[in-house]
């Protein structure tokens, strides 16, 4: 909080924001995935496809008939609930919010 540089995390193409809960950091990528990182900034899991989030995934934001349940299209914001559940808001033509329940 003192404004001192700590590190730059590489390996992200289009991160939209971050949120934290306990020892986890949540990073939504605009190209169809959401990352969870641990306290060492190591990826714990990638939720969604994003094989190459810099260009290989088709832009489906304006094509809701091609959206697949359980797969992200364009995650723009994500946040933790106090209990660890996750909400992901997607920047798509109609808007879309997904709730991921912590198990």
C-alpha atoms as a PDB file:
ATOM      1  CA  UNK A   1       0.000   0.000   0.000  1.00  0.00           C
ATOM      2  CA  UNK A   2       3.037   2.268   0.110  1.00  0.00           C
ATOM      3  CA  UNK A   3       3.209   2.361  -3.708  1.00  0.00           C
ATOM      4  CA  UNK A   4       6.380   0.286  -3.919  1.00  0.00           C
ATOM      5  CA  UNK A   5       6.710  -1.951  -7.026  1.00  0.00           C
ATOM      6  CA  UNK A   6       6.605  -5.656  -6.157  1.00  0.00           C
ATOM      7  CA  UNK A   7       6.331  -7.636  -9.395  1.00  0.00           C
ATOM      8  CA  UNK A   8       4.688  -7.954 -12.795  1.00  0.00           C
ATOM      9  CA  UNK A   9       2.678 -11.083 -13.500  1.00  0.00           C
ATOM     10  CA  UNK A  10       3.138 -12.358 -17.041  1.00  0.00           C
ATOM     11  CA  UNK A  11       1.078 -14.848 -19.004  1.00  0.00           C
ATOM     12  CA  UNK A  12      -2.100 -12.803 -19.227  1.00  0.00           C
ATOM     13  CA  UNK A  13      -3.480 -11.420 -22.452  1.00  0.00           C
ATOM     14  CA  UNK A  14      -6.484  -9.253 -21.622  1.00  0.00           C
ATOM     15  CA  UNK A  15      -7.076  -9.241 -17.850  1.00  0.00           C
ATOM     16  CA  UNK A  16     -10.093  -7.118 -16.950  1.00  0.00           C
ATOM     17  CA  UNK A  17      -9.789  -6.750 -13.163  1.00  0.00           C
ATOM     18  CA  UNK A  18      -8.906  -8.656  -9.982  1.00  0.00           C
ATOM     19  CA  UNK A  19     -10.577  -9.597  -6.736  1.00  0.00           C
ATOM     20  CA  UNK A  20      -9.270 -11.489  -3.732  1.00  0.00           C
ATOM     21  CA  UNK A  21     -10.682 -13.853  -1.135  1.00  0.00           C
ATOM     22  CA  UNK A  22      -8.579 -15.478   1.557  1.00  0.00           C
ATOM     23  CA  UNK A  23      -5.412 -16.631  -0.258  1.00  0.00           C
ATOM     24  CA  UNK A  24      -6.909 -16.550  -3.775  1.00  0.00           C
ATOM     25  CA  UNK A  25      -6.864 -13.921  -6.515  1.00  0.00           C
ATOM     26  CA  UNK A  26      -9.509 -13.956  -9.251  1.00  0.00           C
ATOM     27  CA  UNK A  27      -8.567 -12.650 -12.726  1.00  0.00           C
ATOM     28  CA  UNK A  28     -11.166 -12.580 -15.529  1.00  0.00           C
ATOM     29  CA  UNK A  29      -9.729 -12.532 -19.070  1.00  0.00           C
ATOM     30  CA  UNK A  30     -11.786 -10.825 -21.774  1.00  0.00           C
ATOM     31  CA  UNK A  31     -11.206 -13.829 -24.028  1.00  0.00           C
ATOM     32  CA  UNK A  32     -13.346 -16.537 -22.464  1.00  0.00           C
ATOM     33  CA  UNK A  33     -11.665 -17.588 -19.216  1.00  0.00           C
ATOM     34  CA  UNK A  34     -11.198 -16.770 -15.553  1.00  0.00           C
ATOM     35  CA  UNK A  35      -8.038 -17.568 -13.582  1.00  0.00           C
ATOM     36  CA  UNK A  36      -7.628 -18.301  -9.880  1.00  0.00           C
ATOM     37  CA  UNK A  37      -4.150 -17.702  -8.461  1.00  0.00           C
ATOM     38  CA  UNK A  38      -2.741 -18.626  -5.048  1.00  0.00           C
ATOM     39  CA  UNK A  39      -0.774 -16.431  -2.625  1.00  0.00           C
ATOM     40  CA  UNK A  40       2.415 -17.085  -4.640  1.00  0.00           C
ATOM     41  CA  UNK A  41       0.677 -15.754  -7.782  1.00  0.00           C
ATOM     42  CA  UNK A  42       0.677 -19.247  -9.302  1.00  0.00           C
ATOM     43  CA  UNK A  43      -2.304 -20.333 -11.371  1.00  0.00           C
ATOM     44  CA  UNK A  44      -4.446 -22.762  -9.399  1.00  0.00           C
ATOM     45  CA  UNK A  45      -7.078 -23.203 -12.105  1.00  0.00           C
ATOM     46  CA  UNK A  46      -8.188 -21.729 -15.406  1.00  0.00           C
ATOM     47  CA  UNK A  47     -11.962 -21.740 -15.797  1.00  0.00           C
ATOM     48  CA  UNK A  48     -12.994 -21.644 -19.450  1.00  0.00           C
ATOM     49  CA  UNK A  49     -11.297 -22.386 -22.745  1.00  0.00           C
ATOM     50  CA  UNK A  50      -8.974 -19.576 -23.858  1.00  0.00           C
ATOM     51  CA  UNK A  51      -6.445 -21.800 -25.616  1.00  0.00           C
ATOM     52  CA  UNK A  52      -5.029 -18.619 -27.144  1.00  0.00           C
ATOM     53  CA  UNK A  53      -6.812 -15.645 -25.634  1.00  0.00           C
ATOM     54  CA  UNK A  54      -5.011 -13.191 -27.909  1.00  0.00           C
ATOM     55  CA  UNK A  55      -6.841 -14.104 -31.079  1.00  0.00           C
ATOM     56  CA  UNK A  56      -7.817 -17.708 -31.665  1.00  0.00           C
ATOM     57  CA  UNK A  57     -11.184 -17.625 -29.932  1.00  0.00           C
ATOM     58  CA  UNK A  58     -14.090 -16.474 -32.061  1.00  0.00           C
ATOM     59  CA  UNK A  59     -15.786 -13.280 -30.847  1.00  0.00           C
ATOM     60  CA  UNK A  60     -19.274 -14.429 -29.880  1.00  0.00           C
ATOM     61  CA  UNK A  61     -20.363 -11.359 -27.898  1.00  0.00           C
ATOM     62  CA  UNK A  62     -23.162 -10.480 -30.335  1.00  0.00           C
ATOM     63  CA  UNK A  63     -24.210 -14.056 -31.107  1.00  0.00           C
ATOM     64  CA  UNK A  64     -26.159 -15.444 -28.123  1.00  0.00           C
ATOM     65  CA  UNK A  65     -27.402 -18.406 -30.174  1.00  0.00           C
ATOM     66  CA  UNK A  66     -23.797 -19.700 -30.156  1.00  0.00           C
ATOM     67  CA  UNK A  67     -23.217 -19.322 -26.398  1.00  0.00           C
ATOM     68  CA  UNK A  68     -22.691 -22.576 -24.536  1.00  0.00           C
ATOM     69  CA  UNK A  69     -23.925 -22.955 -20.967  1.00  0.00           C
ATOM     70  CA  UNK A  70     -20.974 -23.350 -18.620  1.00  0.00           C
ATOM     71  CA  UNK A  71     -18.498 -21.655 -20.954  1.00  0.00           C
ATOM     72  CA  UNK A  72     -17.536 -17.999 -20.800  1.00  0.00           C
ATOM     73  CA  UNK A  73     -17.792 -15.708 -23.806  1.00  0.00           C
ATOM     74  CA  UNK A  74     -16.265 -12.410 -22.625  1.00  0.00           C
ATOM     75  CA  UNK A  75     -15.712 -12.169 -18.829  1.00  0.00           C
ATOM     76  CA  UNK A  76     -15.354  -8.513 -17.966  1.00  0.00           C
ATOM     77  CA  UNK A  77     -15.705  -8.528 -14.198  1.00  0.00           C
ATOM     78  CA  UNK A  78     -15.574 -11.175 -11.515  1.00  0.00           C
ATOM     79  CA  UNK A  79     -15.848 -11.006  -7.761  1.00  0.00           C
ATOM     80  CA  UNK A  80     -15.904 -13.237  -4.727  1.00  0.00           C
ATOM     81  CA  UNK A  81     -18.860 -13.410  -2.356  1.00  0.00           C
ATOM     82  CA  UNK A  82     -18.028 -13.443   1.365  1.00  0.00           C
ATOM     83  CA  UNK A  83     -18.422 -17.255   1.397  1.00  0.00           C
ATOM     84  CA  UNK A  84     -16.103 -17.852  -1.600  1.00  0.00           C
ATOM     85  CA  UNK A  85     -18.733 -18.205  -4.318  1.00  0.00           C
ATOM     86  CA  UNK A  86     -17.843 -16.322  -7.511  1.00  0.00           C
ATOM     87  CA  UNK A  87     -19.932 -14.087  -9.750  1.00  0.00           C
ATOM     88  CA  UNK A  88     -18.700 -13.469 -13.306  1.00  0.00           C
ATOM     89  CA  UNK A  89     -20.255 -10.679 -15.403  1.00  0.00           C
ATOM     90  CA  UNK A  90     -19.748 -10.890 -19.139  1.00  0.00           C
ATOM     91  CA  UNK A  91     -19.643  -8.022 -21.613  1.00  0.00           C
ATOM     92  CA  UNK A  92     -21.988  -9.442 -24.230  1.00  0.00           C
ATOM     93  CA  UNK A  93     -24.939  -8.118 -26.242  1.00  0.00           C
ATOM     94  CA  UNK A  94     -27.591  -9.062 -23.675  1.00  0.00           C
ATOM     95  CA  UNK A  95     -25.399  -9.137 -20.608  1.00  0.00           C
ATOM     96  CA  UNK A  96     -24.775 -12.375 -18.742  1.00  0.00           C
ATOM     97  CA  UNK A  97     -23.928 -13.173 -15.123  1.00  0.00           C
ATOM     98  CA  UNK A  98     -22.724 -16.582 -13.974  1.00  0.00           C
ATOM     99  CA  UNK A  99     -22.624 -17.750 -10.362  1.00  0.00           C
ATOM    100  CA  UNK A 100     -19.994 -20.351  -9.477  1.00  0.00           C
ATOM    101  CA  UNK A 101     -20.710 -22.048  -6.157  1.00  0.00           C
ATOM    102  CA  UNK A 102     -17.777 -22.964  -3.915  1.00  0.00           C
ATOM    103  CA  UNK A 103     -17.776 -26.668  -3.090  1.00  0.00           C
END
